[in-house]
Every structure is written in C-alpha cells, then in structure tokens.
C-alpha atoms as a PDB file:
ATOM      1  CA  UNK A   1      29.936 -12.306  20.468  1.00  0.00           C
ATOM      2  CA  UNK A   2      27.953 -14.717  17.382  1.00  0.00           C
ATOM      3  CA  UNK A   3      24.619 -12.770  18.223  1.00  0.00           C
ATOM      4  CA  UNK A   4      26.645  -9.948  17.336  1.00  0.00           C
ATOM      5  CA  UNK A   5      28.357 -10.762  13.861  1.00  0.00           C
ATOM      6  CA  UNK A   6      24.666 -12.681  12.892  1.00  0.00           C
ATOM      7  CA  UNK A   7      23.232  -8.458  13.735  1.00  0.00           C
ATOM      8  CA  UNK A   8      26.307  -6.903  12.200  1.00  0.00           C
ATOM      9  CA  UNK A   9      26.196  -9.393   9.102  1.00  0.00           C
ATOM     10  CA  UNK A  10      22.001  -8.785   8.684  1.00  0.00           C
ATOM     11  CA  UNK A  11      23.237  -4.788   8.924  1.00  0.00           C
ATOM     12  CA  UNK A  12      25.125  -4.802   6.213  1.00  0.00           C
ATOM     13  CA  UNK A  13      22.917  -6.963   4.181  1.00  0.00           C
ATOM     14  CA  UNK A  14      20.216  -4.299   4.870  1.00  0.00           C
ATOM     15  CA  UNK A  15      22.425  -1.070   4.273  1.00  0.00           C
ATOM     16  CA  UNK A  16      23.615  -3.113   0.976  1.00  0.00           C
ATOM     17  CA  UNK A  17      20.336  -3.124  -0.525  1.00  0.00           C
ATOM     18  CA  UNK A  18      19.375   0.348   0.015  1.00  0.00           C
ATOM     19  CA  UNK A  19      22.678   1.653  -1.575  1.00  0.00           C
ATOM     20  CA  UNK A  20      21.826  -0.136  -4.351  1.00  0.00           C
ATOM     21  CA  UNK A  21      19.386   1.393  -5.509  1.00  0.00           C
ATOM     22  CA  UNK A  22      19.135   5.490  -7.008  1.00  0.00           C
ATOM     23  CA  UNK A  23      21.607   8.128  -6.076  1.00  0.00           C
ATOM     24  CA  UNK A  24      18.999  10.057  -3.818  1.00  0.00           C
ATOM     25  CA  UNK A  25      19.364  10.520  -0.573  1.00  0.00           C
ATOM     26  CA  UNK A  26      16.511   8.224   1.299  1.00  0.00           C
ATOM     27  CA  UNK A  27      14.581  10.939   2.576  1.00  0.00           C
ATOM     28  CA  UNK A  28      14.462  12.186  -0.837  1.00  0.00           C
ATOM     29  CA  UNK A  29      12.858   9.362  -2.280  1.00  0.00           C
ATOM     30  CA  UNK A  30       9.132  10.201  -3.264  1.00  0.00           C
ATOM     31  CA  UNK A  31       6.030   7.546  -3.292  1.00  0.00           C
ATOM     32  CA  UNK A  32       5.801   5.869  -6.180  1.00  0.00           C
ATOM     33  CA  UNK A  33       2.271   4.685  -8.081  1.00  0.00           C
ATOM     34  CA  UNK A  34       1.390   1.631  -6.859  1.00  0.00           C
ATOM     35  CA  UNK A  35       1.304  -1.305  -9.362  1.00  0.00           C
ATOM     36  CA  UNK A  36      -1.879  -2.124 -10.831  1.00  0.00           C
ATOM     37  CA  UNK A  37      -1.755  -5.085  -8.362  1.00  0.00           C
ATOM     38  CA  UNK A  38      -0.926  -3.869  -4.631  1.00  0.00           C
ATOM     39  CA  UNK A  39      -0.608  -4.994  -1.676  1.00  0.00           C
ATOM     40  CA  UNK A  40      -4.258  -5.202   0.421  1.00  0.00           C
ATOM     41  CA  UNK A  41      -4.491  -1.630   2.408  1.00  0.00           C
ATOM     42  CA  UNK A  42      -4.857  -3.451   5.608  1.00  0.00           C
ATOM     43  CA  UNK A  43      -1.028  -4.200   4.846  1.00  0.00           C
ATOM     44  CA  UNK A  44      -1.836  -8.060   4.654  1.00  0.00           C
ATOM     45  CA  UNK A  45      -0.198 -10.382   1.571  1.00  0.00           C
ATOM     46  CA  UNK A  46      -2.505 -10.811  -1.154  1.00  0.00           C
ATOM     47  CA  UNK A  47      -3.338 -14.886  -1.002  1.00  0.00           C
ATOM     48  CA  UNK A  48      -1.862 -17.113  -4.001  1.00  0.00           C
ATOM     49  CA  UNK A  49      -2.776 -16.371  -7.360  1.00  0.00           C
ATOM     50  CA  UNK A  50      -5.712 -17.603  -8.790  1.00  0.00           C
ATOM     51  CA  UNK A  51      -7.371 -17.654 -12.200  1.00  0.00           C
ATOM     52  CA  UNK A  52      -8.441 -13.378 -11.799  1.00  0.00           C
ATOM     53  CA  UNK A  53      -5.091 -12.913 -11.514  1.00  0.00           C
ATOM     54  CA  UNK A  54      -3.510 -13.374 -15.039  1.00  0.00           C
ATOM     55  CA  UNK A  55      -2.320 -10.690 -16.792  1.00  0.00           C
ATOM     56  CA  UNK A  56      -1.661  -8.507 -13.143  1.00  0.00           C
ATOM     57  CA  UNK A  57       1.383  -8.431 -11.711  1.00  0.00           C
ATOM     58  CA  UNK A  58       1.418  -9.932  -8.128  1.00  0.00           C
ATOM     59  CA  UNK A  59       2.486  -7.507  -4.954  1.00  0.00           C
ATOM     60  CA  UNK A  60       3.306  -9.779  -2.496  1.00  0.00           C
ATOM     61  CA  UNK A  61       5.178 -10.897   0.684  1.00  0.00           C
ATOM     62  CA  UNK A  62       4.261 -14.472   0.048  1.00  0.00           C
ATOM     63  CA  UNK A  63       7.214 -17.154  -0.833  1.00  0.00           C
ATOM     64  CA  UNK A  64       5.317 -20.154  -1.527  1.00  0.00           C
ATOM     65  CA  UNK A  65       4.653 -18.937  -5.072  1.00  0.00           C
ATOM     66  CA  UNK A  66       3.145 -21.890  -7.424  1.00  0.00           C
ATOM     67  CA  UNK A  67       5.639 -21.688 -10.283  1.00  0.00           C
ATOM     68  CA  UNK A  68       4.052 -24.847 -12.527  1.00  0.00           C
ATOM     69  CA  UNK A  69       0.540 -22.809 -14.288  1.00  0.00           C
ATOM     70  CA  UNK A  70       3.268 -20.519 -16.183  1.00  0.00           C
ATOM     71  CA  UNK A  71       6.416 -21.567 -18.372  1.00  0.00           C
ATOM     72  CA  UNK A  72       8.006 -19.068 -16.749  1.00  0.00           C
ATOM     73  CA  UNK A  73       8.044 -16.761 -13.335  1.00  0.00           C
ATOM     74  CA  UNK A  74       9.704 -13.147 -13.681  1.00  0.00           C
ATOM     75  CA  UNK A  75      10.235 -12.278 -10.123  1.00  0.00           C
ATOM     76  CA  UNK A  76      11.085  -8.681  -9.461  1.00  0.00           C
ATOM     77  CA  UNK A  77      12.844  -7.943  -6.136  1.00  0.00           C
ATOM     78  CA  UNK A  78      13.108  -4.337  -5.493  1.00  0.00           C
ATOM     79  CA  UNK A  79      11.236  -1.298  -3.448  1.00  0.00           C
ATOM     80  CA  UNK A  80       8.769   0.921  -4.338  1.00  0.00           C
ATOM     81  CA  UNK A  81      10.393   4.260  -3.545  1.00  0.00           C
ATOM     82  CA  UNK A  82      13.902   3.070  -5.583  1.00  0.00           C
ATOM     83  CA  UNK A  83      13.737   5.232  -9.088  1.00  0.00           C
ATOM     84  CA  UNK A  84      15.117   2.200 -10.860  1.00  0.00           C
ATOM     85  CA  UNK A  85      12.447  -0.026  -9.336  1.00  0.00           C
ATOM     86  CA  UNK A  86       9.441   2.776 -10.138  1.00  0.00           C
ATOM     87  CA  UNK A  87      10.636   2.070 -14.070  1.00  0.00           C
ATOM     88  CA  UNK A  88      10.723  -1.410 -13.906  1.00  0.00           C
ATOM     89  CA  UNK A  89       6.558  -0.895 -12.909  1.00  0.00           C
ATOM     90  CA  UNK A  90       5.417  -0.327 -16.099  1.00  0.00           C
ATOM     91  CA  UNK A  91       7.395  -3.133 -17.832  1.00  0.00           C
ATOM     92  CA  UNK A  92       6.488  -5.663 -15.393  1.00  0.00           C
ATOM     93  CA  UNK A  93       2.560  -4.223 -16.245  1.00  0.00           C
ATOM     94  CA  UNK A  94       2.865  -4.902 -20.291  1.00  0.00           C
ATOM     95  CA  UNK A  95       4.991  -7.981 -19.971  1.00  0.00           C
ATOM     96  CA  UNK A  96       2.051  -9.238 -17.529  1.00  0.00           C
ATOM     97  CA  UNK A  97      -0.572  -8.437 -19.766  1.00  0.00           C
ATOM     98  CA  UNK A  98       0.945  -9.721 -22.980  1.00  0.00           C
ATOM     99  CA  UNK A  99       1.380 -12.829 -21.849  1.00  0.00           C
ATOM    100  CA  UNK A 100      -0.725 -13.708 -19.178  1.00  0.00           C
ATOM    101  CA  UNK A 101      -0.911 -16.947 -19.503  1.00  0.00           C
ATOM    102  CA  UNK A 102       2.393 -18.088 -19.793  1.00  0.00           C
ATOM    103  CA  UNK A 103       4.419 -15.748 -17.579  1.00  0.00           C
ATOM    104  CA  UNK A 104       2.956 -14.776 -14.176  1.00  0.00           C
ATOM    105  CA  UNK A 105       4.819 -11.641 -12.963  1.00  0.00           C
ATOM    106  CA  UNK A 106       5.392 -10.731  -8.959  1.00  0.00           C
ATOM    107  CA  UNK A 107       7.162  -8.307  -7.296  1.00  0.00           C
ATOM    108  CA  UNK A 108       8.577  -8.182  -3.959  1.00  0.00           C
ATOM    109  CA  UNK A 109       9.403  -4.979  -1.755  1.00  0.00           C
ATOM    110  CA  UNK A 110      12.621  -5.849  -0.356  1.00  0.00           C
ATOM    111  CA  UNK A 111      12.943  -2.716   1.331  1.00  0.00           C
ATOM    112  CA  UNK A 112       9.316  -3.379   3.257  1.00  0.00           C
ATOM    113  CA  UNK A 113      10.128  -7.479   3.451  1.00  0.00           C
ATOM    114  CA  UNK A 114      13.588  -8.531   3.133  1.00  0.00           C
ATOM    115  CA  UNK A 115      12.550 -12.523   3.678  1.00  0.00           C
ATOM    116  CA  UNK A 116      12.670 -12.761  -0.487  1.00  0.00           C
ATOM    117  CA  UNK A 117      15.879 -11.028  -0.758  1.00  0.00           C
ATOM    118  CA  UNK A 118      17.582 -13.715   1.263  1.00  0.00           C
ATOM    119  CA  UNK A 119      15.778 -16.394  -0.349  1.00  0.00           C
ATOM    120  CA  UNK A 120      16.775 -15.463  -3.710  1.00  0.00           C
ATOM    121  CA  UNK A 121      20.191 -14.159  -2.437  1.00  0.00           C
ATOM    122  CA  UNK A 122      20.501 -10.488  -4.120  1.00  0.00           C
ATOM    123  CA  UNK A 123      23.063  -7.941  -3.464  1.00  0.00           C
ATOM    124  CA  UNK A 124      21.225  -4.395  -5.524  1.00  0.00           C
ATOM    125  CA  UNK A 125      18.028  -4.393  -6.586  1.00  0.00           C
ATOM    126  CA  UNK A 126      15.969  -4.011  -8.899  1.00  0.00           C
ATOM    127  CA  UNK A 127      17.134  -7.319  -9.400  1.00  0.00           C
ATOM    128  CA  UNK A 128      14.888  -9.785 -12.040  1.00  0.00           C
ATOM    129  CA  UNK A 129      14.942 -13.483 -11.329  1.00  0.00           C
ATOM    130  CA  UNK A 130      13.277 -15.773 -14.161  1.00  0.00           C
ATOM    131  CA  UNK A 131      11.887 -18.982 -13.207  1.00  0.00           C
ATOM    132  CA  UNK A 132      10.564 -22.344 -15.038  1.00  0.00           C
ATOM    133  CA  UNK A 133       7.768 -23.898 -14.184  1.00  0.00           C
ATOM    134  CA  UNK A 134       9.311 -26.481 -11.943  1.00  0.00           C
ATOM    135  CA  UNK A 135      11.049 -23.207 -10.073  1.00  0.00           C
ATOM    136  CA  UNK A 136      14.529 -23.650 -11.570  1.00  0.00           C
ATOM    137  CA  UNK A 137      16.351 -20.229 -11.894  1.00  0.00           C
ATOM    138  CA  UNK A 138      16.956 -19.907 -15.763  1.00  0.00           C
ATOM    139  CA  UNK A 139      17.901 -16.097 -15.703  1.00  0.00           C
ATOM    140  CA  UNK A 140      19.274 -13.686 -13.603  1.00  0.00           C
ATOM    141  CA  UNK A 141      19.824  -9.759 -14.464  1.00  0.00           C
ATOM    142  CA  UNK A 142      20.249  -6.788 -11.676  1.00  0.00           C
ATOM    143  CA  UNK A 143      19.461  -3.014 -12.780  1.00  0.00           C
ATOM    144  CA  UNK A 144      16.979  -1.773 -15.178  1.00  0.00           C
ATOM    145  CA  UNK A 145      16.109  -4.690 -17.963  1.00  0.00           C
ATOM    146  CA  UNK A 146      14.024  -2.998 -21.247  1.00  0.00           C
ATOM    147  CA  UNK A 147      11.610  -4.243 -22.243  1.00  0.00           C
ATOM    148  CA  UNK A 148      12.813  -5.544 -25.416  1.00  0.00           C
ATOM    149  CA  UNK A 149      15.643  -7.700 -23.734  1.00  0.00           C
ATOM    150  CA  UNK A 150      12.750  -9.168 -21.434  1.00  0.00           C
ATOM    151  CA  UNK A 151      10.839 -10.709 -24.587  1.00  0.00           C
ATOM    152  CA  UNK A 152      13.819 -11.935 -26.166  1.00  0.00           C
ATOM    153  CA  UNK A 153      14.587 -13.626 -23.076  1.00  0.00           C
ATOM    154  CA  UNK A 154      10.808 -15.165 -23.061  1.00  0.00           C
ATOM    155  CA  UNK A 155      10.921 -16.111 -26.667  1.00  0.00           C
ATOM    156  CA  UNK A 156      14.553 -17.972 -25.602  1.00  0.00           C
ATOM    157  CA  UNK A 157      12.508 -19.806 -22.952  1.00  0.00           C
ATOM    158  CA  UNK A 158       9.448 -21.258 -25.361  1.00  0.00           C
ATOM    159  CA  UNK A 159       6.983 -18.155 -24.867  1.00  0.00           C
ATOM    160  CA  UNK A 160       5.511 -16.378 -27.461  1.00  0.00           C
END
C-alpha cells in the first residue's frame, strides 16, 4: 500500500513538471540548441566548477555546488526541450558572461534528472532560484524571467 502511494506521488510529480512547460505535445518538442557549457557527450556530469568555468553556464546534474565563490548563484531548473526554458538559455548565458566573477549560473535539466527538482521543491518549469554565498535562497521565480528583471534583482543583492 505505501509503495503504491510513493509511486503514485512520484508519477504525479513528473507529470506536473512535464505539464508546466509549453502547450505543445511532448512529441512535437524539437531539440534545443545546447548551451555553451553543455554536459559532456558521454552523458557524464561535468566536474565541479573551476576558474575556467567563470562566464559560462554550468550544465550539470551535481547537487554539491559551491556557492561561496560568488555573491549570487542563479539556478535555472528547466528542460532543454521546453519552449520557455529555451528562451531562458540566451538570458542565462548573457548573465553568466556579464557577471562572471560575481554570479554563478547553473542549469539543471529536470526532465533528464528530477533530483534537482525535488531538492529545490519546484512544481513548474522553468523555475529560477537565486541563492546567496551561504546557499540560502534569496528569491524564486516561475516562468520566463526577463533579463532586465534579473539584473534589477542582482543589483538589489549587491551585484553591480
């Protein structure tokens, strides 16, 4: 009985994530142009970010991100085949490049690995979560988030 409840809950969670993105049928979703810092072709997660990752979007499945090296960490929880998520890709890249030494930009594809969605408690994609240097959430947004509004948010949190 308990196992059935868990399976049903997990199924509902995955369906909620899938339903939250775009109105097109799943079969009609095209492939996305990958972000500049796409996962390794072997399918393995990239290692933890280092100095060479500044100014890039970190595409990963790792949940042990070091928040202490940046004033703000901008986490995008989405999917590479989701229309609004695709629209966020150039915005994430621009933020990563413009604020490379102050903002860490991380992308999790929650259709490929739902664990980050569980960790951050999201129900719809795209969802943006902003964390301070201690890993404390400072802001959350659901849906397409315009660059200008992200820049204003960053300024409010000391990123200039």
